[in-house]
N, C-alpha and C. Protein backbone atom coordinates (compact mmCIF):
# COMPACT_ATOMS: atom_id res chain seq x y z
N MET A 1 0.84 -1.16 0.00
CA MET A 1 0.00 0.00 0.00
C MET A 1 0.89 1.23 0.00
N SER A 2 0.47 2.24 -0.74
CA SER A 2 1.19 3.50 -0.75
C SER A 2 0.21 4.65 -0.91
N LEU A 3 0.63 5.84 -0.52
CA LEU A 3 -0.20 7.03 -0.63
C LEU A 3 0.26 7.83 -1.84
N SER A 4 -0.68 8.20 -2.69
CA SER A 4 -0.39 9.07 -3.83
C SER A 4 -0.65 10.50 -3.38
N PRO A 5 0.40 11.29 -3.15
CA PRO A 5 0.19 12.67 -2.69
C PRO A 5 -0.59 13.51 -3.70
N LYS A 6 -0.42 13.21 -4.96
CA LYS A 6 -1.10 13.97 -6.01
C LYS A 6 -2.62 13.79 -5.92
N GLU A 7 -3.07 12.56 -5.67
CA GLU A 7 -4.50 12.26 -5.57
C GLU A 7 -5.03 12.34 -4.14
N GLY A 8 -4.13 12.16 -3.18
CA GLY A 8 -4.56 12.08 -1.79
C GLY A 8 -5.27 10.77 -1.49
N LYS A 9 -4.94 9.73 -2.26
CA LYS A 9 -5.58 8.42 -2.08
C LYS A 9 -4.52 7.34 -1.93
N PHE A 10 -4.93 6.25 -1.26
CA PHE A 10 -4.07 5.09 -1.10
C PHE A 10 -4.26 4.16 -2.29
N HIS A 11 -3.18 3.57 -2.75
CA HIS A 11 -3.22 2.54 -3.79
C HIS A 11 -2.67 1.27 -3.17
N GLY A 12 -3.40 0.17 -3.33
CA GLY A 12 -2.97 -1.07 -2.70
C GLY A 12 -3.05 -2.26 -3.63
N TYR A 13 -2.30 -3.28 -3.25
CA TYR A 13 -2.22 -4.53 -4.00
C TYR A 13 -2.44 -5.65 -3.01
N THR A 14 -3.35 -6.56 -3.32
CA THR A 14 -3.62 -7.70 -2.45
C THR A 14 -3.33 -8.98 -3.21
N LEU A 15 -2.56 -9.86 -2.60
CA LEU A 15 -2.22 -11.15 -3.19
C LEU A 15 -2.75 -12.24 -2.28
N TRP A 16 -3.60 -13.11 -2.83
CA TRP A 16 -4.16 -14.22 -2.07
C TRP A 16 -3.31 -15.47 -2.25
N SER A 17 -3.46 -16.42 -1.33
CA SER A 17 -2.63 -17.62 -1.33
C SER A 17 -2.83 -18.49 -2.58
N ASN A 18 -3.95 -18.35 -3.26
CA ASN A 18 -4.18 -19.14 -4.48
C ASN A 18 -3.56 -18.50 -5.72
N GLY A 19 -2.89 -17.36 -5.56
CA GLY A 19 -2.22 -16.70 -6.67
C GLY A 19 -3.04 -15.57 -7.29
N ASN A 20 -4.31 -15.46 -6.96
CA ASN A 20 -5.12 -14.35 -7.46
C ASN A 20 -4.67 -13.05 -6.80
N TYR A 21 -4.92 -11.96 -7.46
CA TYR A 21 -4.56 -10.67 -6.88
C TYR A 21 -5.63 -9.63 -7.20
N GLY A 22 -5.59 -8.55 -6.47
CA GLY A 22 -6.51 -7.44 -6.72
C GLY A 22 -5.79 -6.13 -6.45
N THR A 23 -6.21 -5.09 -7.14
CA THR A 23 -5.67 -3.76 -6.90
C THR A 23 -6.83 -2.86 -6.49
N TRP A 24 -6.55 -1.89 -5.67
CA TRP A 24 -7.60 -1.03 -5.14
C TRP A 24 -7.09 0.38 -4.91
N ILE A 25 -8.04 1.31 -4.85
CA ILE A 25 -7.76 2.72 -4.57
C ILE A 25 -8.76 3.15 -3.50
N ALA A 26 -8.27 3.78 -2.42
CA ALA A 26 -9.14 4.13 -1.30
C ALA A 26 -8.70 5.42 -0.63
N SER A 27 -9.59 5.96 0.17
CA SER A 27 -9.27 7.15 0.96
C SER A 27 -10.14 7.18 2.21
N PHE A 28 -9.72 7.98 3.19
CA PHE A 28 -10.50 8.15 4.41
C PHE A 28 -11.64 9.13 4.14
N ASN A 29 -12.85 8.75 4.55
CA ASN A 29 -14.01 9.63 4.45
C ASN A 29 -14.16 10.44 5.74
N SER A 30 -13.70 9.84 6.82
CA SER A 30 -13.73 10.49 8.13
C SER A 30 -12.60 9.86 8.94
N GLU A 31 -12.50 10.25 10.20
CA GLU A 31 -11.44 9.72 11.04
C GLU A 31 -11.54 8.22 11.24
N LYS A 32 -12.75 7.66 11.17
CA LYS A 32 -12.95 6.24 11.45
C LYS A 32 -13.48 5.44 10.27
N LYS A 33 -13.59 6.06 9.10
CA LYS A 33 -14.17 5.35 7.95
C LYS A 33 -13.30 5.52 6.71
N TRP A 34 -13.04 4.37 6.08
CA TRP A 34 -12.19 4.31 4.91
C TRP A 34 -12.96 3.58 3.83
N SER A 35 -13.04 4.13 2.62
CA SER A 35 -13.75 3.42 1.56
C SER A 35 -12.97 3.51 0.26
N GLY A 36 -13.26 2.54 -0.61
CA GLY A 36 -12.52 2.52 -1.86
C GLY A 36 -13.14 1.60 -2.89
N ASN A 37 -12.45 1.49 -3.99
CA ASN A 37 -12.88 0.68 -5.12
C ASN A 37 -11.83 -0.37 -5.47
N TRP A 38 -12.31 -1.58 -5.75
CA TRP A 38 -11.45 -2.57 -6.38
C TRP A 38 -11.38 -2.17 -7.86
N VAL A 39 -10.20 -2.11 -8.41
CA VAL A 39 -10.03 -1.66 -9.80
C VAL A 39 -9.09 -2.61 -10.54
N ARG A 40 -9.16 -2.60 -11.84
CA ARG A 40 -8.26 -3.42 -12.66
C ARG A 40 -6.94 -2.67 -12.86
N ASP A 41 -5.86 -3.24 -12.36
CA ASP A 41 -4.51 -2.72 -12.56
C ASP A 41 -4.38 -1.22 -12.27
N PHE A 42 -4.96 -0.79 -11.16
CA PHE A 42 -4.90 0.59 -10.67
C PHE A 42 -5.58 1.61 -11.59
N ASN A 43 -6.42 1.15 -12.50
CA ASN A 43 -7.16 2.05 -13.38
C ASN A 43 -8.43 2.51 -12.65
N PRO A 44 -8.52 3.78 -12.24
CA PRO A 44 -9.67 4.24 -11.46
C PRO A 44 -10.99 4.19 -12.24
N GLU A 45 -10.93 4.04 -13.55
CA GLU A 45 -12.15 3.96 -14.35
C GLU A 45 -12.62 2.52 -14.56
N ALA A 46 -11.82 1.54 -14.12
CA ALA A 46 -12.17 0.12 -14.29
C ALA A 46 -12.54 -0.49 -12.94
N VAL A 47 -13.61 0.00 -12.35
CA VAL A 47 -14.06 -0.45 -11.03
C VAL A 47 -14.75 -1.80 -11.15
N THR A 48 -14.34 -2.74 -10.29
CA THR A 48 -14.95 -4.07 -10.28
C THR A 48 -15.75 -4.34 -9.01
N GLY A 49 -15.60 -3.50 -8.00
CA GLY A 49 -16.31 -3.66 -6.75
C GLY A 49 -15.94 -2.53 -5.81
N LYS A 50 -16.56 -2.51 -4.65
CA LYS A 50 -16.32 -1.45 -3.67
C LYS A 50 -16.13 -2.06 -2.29
N PHE A 51 -15.55 -1.29 -1.38
CA PHE A 51 -15.40 -1.74 0.00
C PHE A 51 -15.42 -0.56 0.94
N GLU A 52 -15.68 -0.87 2.22
CA GLU A 52 -15.71 0.14 3.26
C GLU A 52 -15.16 -0.47 4.54
N ALA A 53 -14.28 0.23 5.20
CA ALA A 53 -13.74 -0.21 6.49
C ALA A 53 -14.11 0.82 7.54
N VAL A 54 -14.69 0.35 8.63
CA VAL A 54 -15.06 1.22 9.74
C VAL A 54 -14.27 0.76 10.96
N PHE A 55 -13.53 1.69 11.56
CA PHE A 55 -12.74 1.40 12.75
C PHE A 55 -13.57 1.80 13.96
N GLU A 56 -14.25 0.81 14.57
CA GLU A 56 -15.13 1.09 15.70
C GLU A 56 -14.34 1.51 16.94
N THR A 57 -13.23 0.84 17.18
CA THR A 57 -12.34 1.13 18.29
C THR A 57 -10.92 0.95 17.78
N PRO A 58 -9.92 1.30 18.57
CA PRO A 58 -8.54 1.05 18.12
C PRO A 58 -8.21 -0.43 17.90
N THR A 59 -9.06 -1.33 18.40
CA THR A 59 -8.78 -2.77 18.26
C THR A 59 -9.83 -3.53 17.46
N ASN A 60 -10.85 -2.84 16.93
CA ASN A 60 -11.90 -3.51 16.16
C ASN A 60 -12.22 -2.78 14.87
N MET A 61 -12.36 -3.55 13.80
CA MET A 61 -12.68 -2.99 12.50
C MET A 61 -13.67 -3.90 11.79
N THR A 62 -14.58 -3.31 11.01
CA THR A 62 -15.50 -4.08 10.18
C THR A 62 -15.24 -3.70 8.73
N LEU A 63 -15.01 -4.71 7.90
CA LEU A 63 -14.79 -4.51 6.47
C LEU A 63 -16.03 -5.03 5.74
N THR A 64 -16.64 -4.18 4.93
CA THR A 64 -17.82 -4.56 4.17
C THR A 64 -17.50 -4.47 2.68
N LEU A 65 -17.88 -5.52 1.94
CA LEU A 65 -17.64 -5.59 0.50
C LEU A 65 -18.94 -5.41 -0.26
N PHE A 66 -18.86 -4.74 -1.40
CA PHE A 66 -20.02 -4.47 -2.24
C PHE A 66 -19.67 -4.81 -3.69
N ASN A 67 -20.69 -5.20 -4.47
CA ASN A 67 -20.44 -5.40 -5.89
C ASN A 67 -20.47 -4.04 -6.59
N ILE A 68 -20.32 -4.05 -7.89
CA ILE A 68 -20.24 -2.82 -8.66
C ILE A 68 -21.51 -1.97 -8.53
N ASP A 69 -22.66 -2.62 -8.26
CA ASP A 69 -23.93 -1.91 -8.12
C ASP A 69 -24.19 -1.41 -6.70
N GLY A 70 -23.26 -1.68 -5.80
CA GLY A 70 -23.41 -1.23 -4.42
C GLY A 70 -24.16 -2.19 -3.52
N VAL A 71 -24.42 -3.40 -4.00
CA VAL A 71 -25.10 -4.42 -3.20
C VAL A 71 -24.07 -5.12 -2.31
N LYS A 72 -24.35 -5.21 -1.02
CA LYS A 72 -23.45 -5.84 -0.06
C LYS A 72 -23.24 -7.31 -0.42
N THR A 73 -21.98 -7.72 -0.51
CA THR A 73 -21.65 -9.11 -0.86
C THR A 73 -20.90 -9.84 0.25
N GLY A 74 -20.43 -9.11 1.24
CA GLY A 74 -19.72 -9.77 2.32
C GLY A 74 -19.34 -8.81 3.42
N GLU A 75 -19.01 -9.38 4.57
CA GLU A 75 -18.60 -8.58 5.71
C GLU A 75 -17.65 -9.40 6.57
N ALA A 76 -16.61 -8.75 7.07
CA ALA A 76 -15.66 -9.40 7.96
C ALA A 76 -15.39 -8.48 9.14
N LYS A 77 -15.33 -9.05 10.32
CA LYS A 77 -15.03 -8.29 11.52
C LYS A 77 -13.65 -8.70 12.02
N TYR A 78 -12.83 -7.71 12.31
CA TYR A 78 -11.47 -7.94 12.75
C TYR A 78 -11.31 -7.41 14.17
N SER A 79 -10.60 -8.18 15.00
CA SER A 79 -10.32 -7.78 16.38
C SER A 79 -8.87 -8.10 16.69
N LYS A 80 -8.24 -7.21 17.41
CA LYS A 80 -6.86 -7.45 17.84
C LYS A 80 -6.85 -8.54 18.88
N VAL A 81 -5.93 -9.50 18.70
CA VAL A 81 -5.76 -10.59 19.65
C VAL A 81 -4.36 -10.48 20.23
N LYS A 82 -4.27 -10.50 21.54
CA LYS A 82 -2.96 -10.37 22.19
C LYS A 82 -2.22 -11.67 22.17
């Protein structure tokens, strides 16, 4: 993940254990909410899906996934484990 100062957005690359990968562009909407788009090869016009991360506390986050039409397709809750 890196920050593009020109755009003020984060660009990220995700690699899964099966060899598939995804690229995304995201930014903070507020202090506790981050949203972005899954895109093809960092092309902001080639959106394949959307996501939103909400940081409820410093140790808990909820990631919600949406398809291109904005329909919720999944949700994951993350918690810090000591």
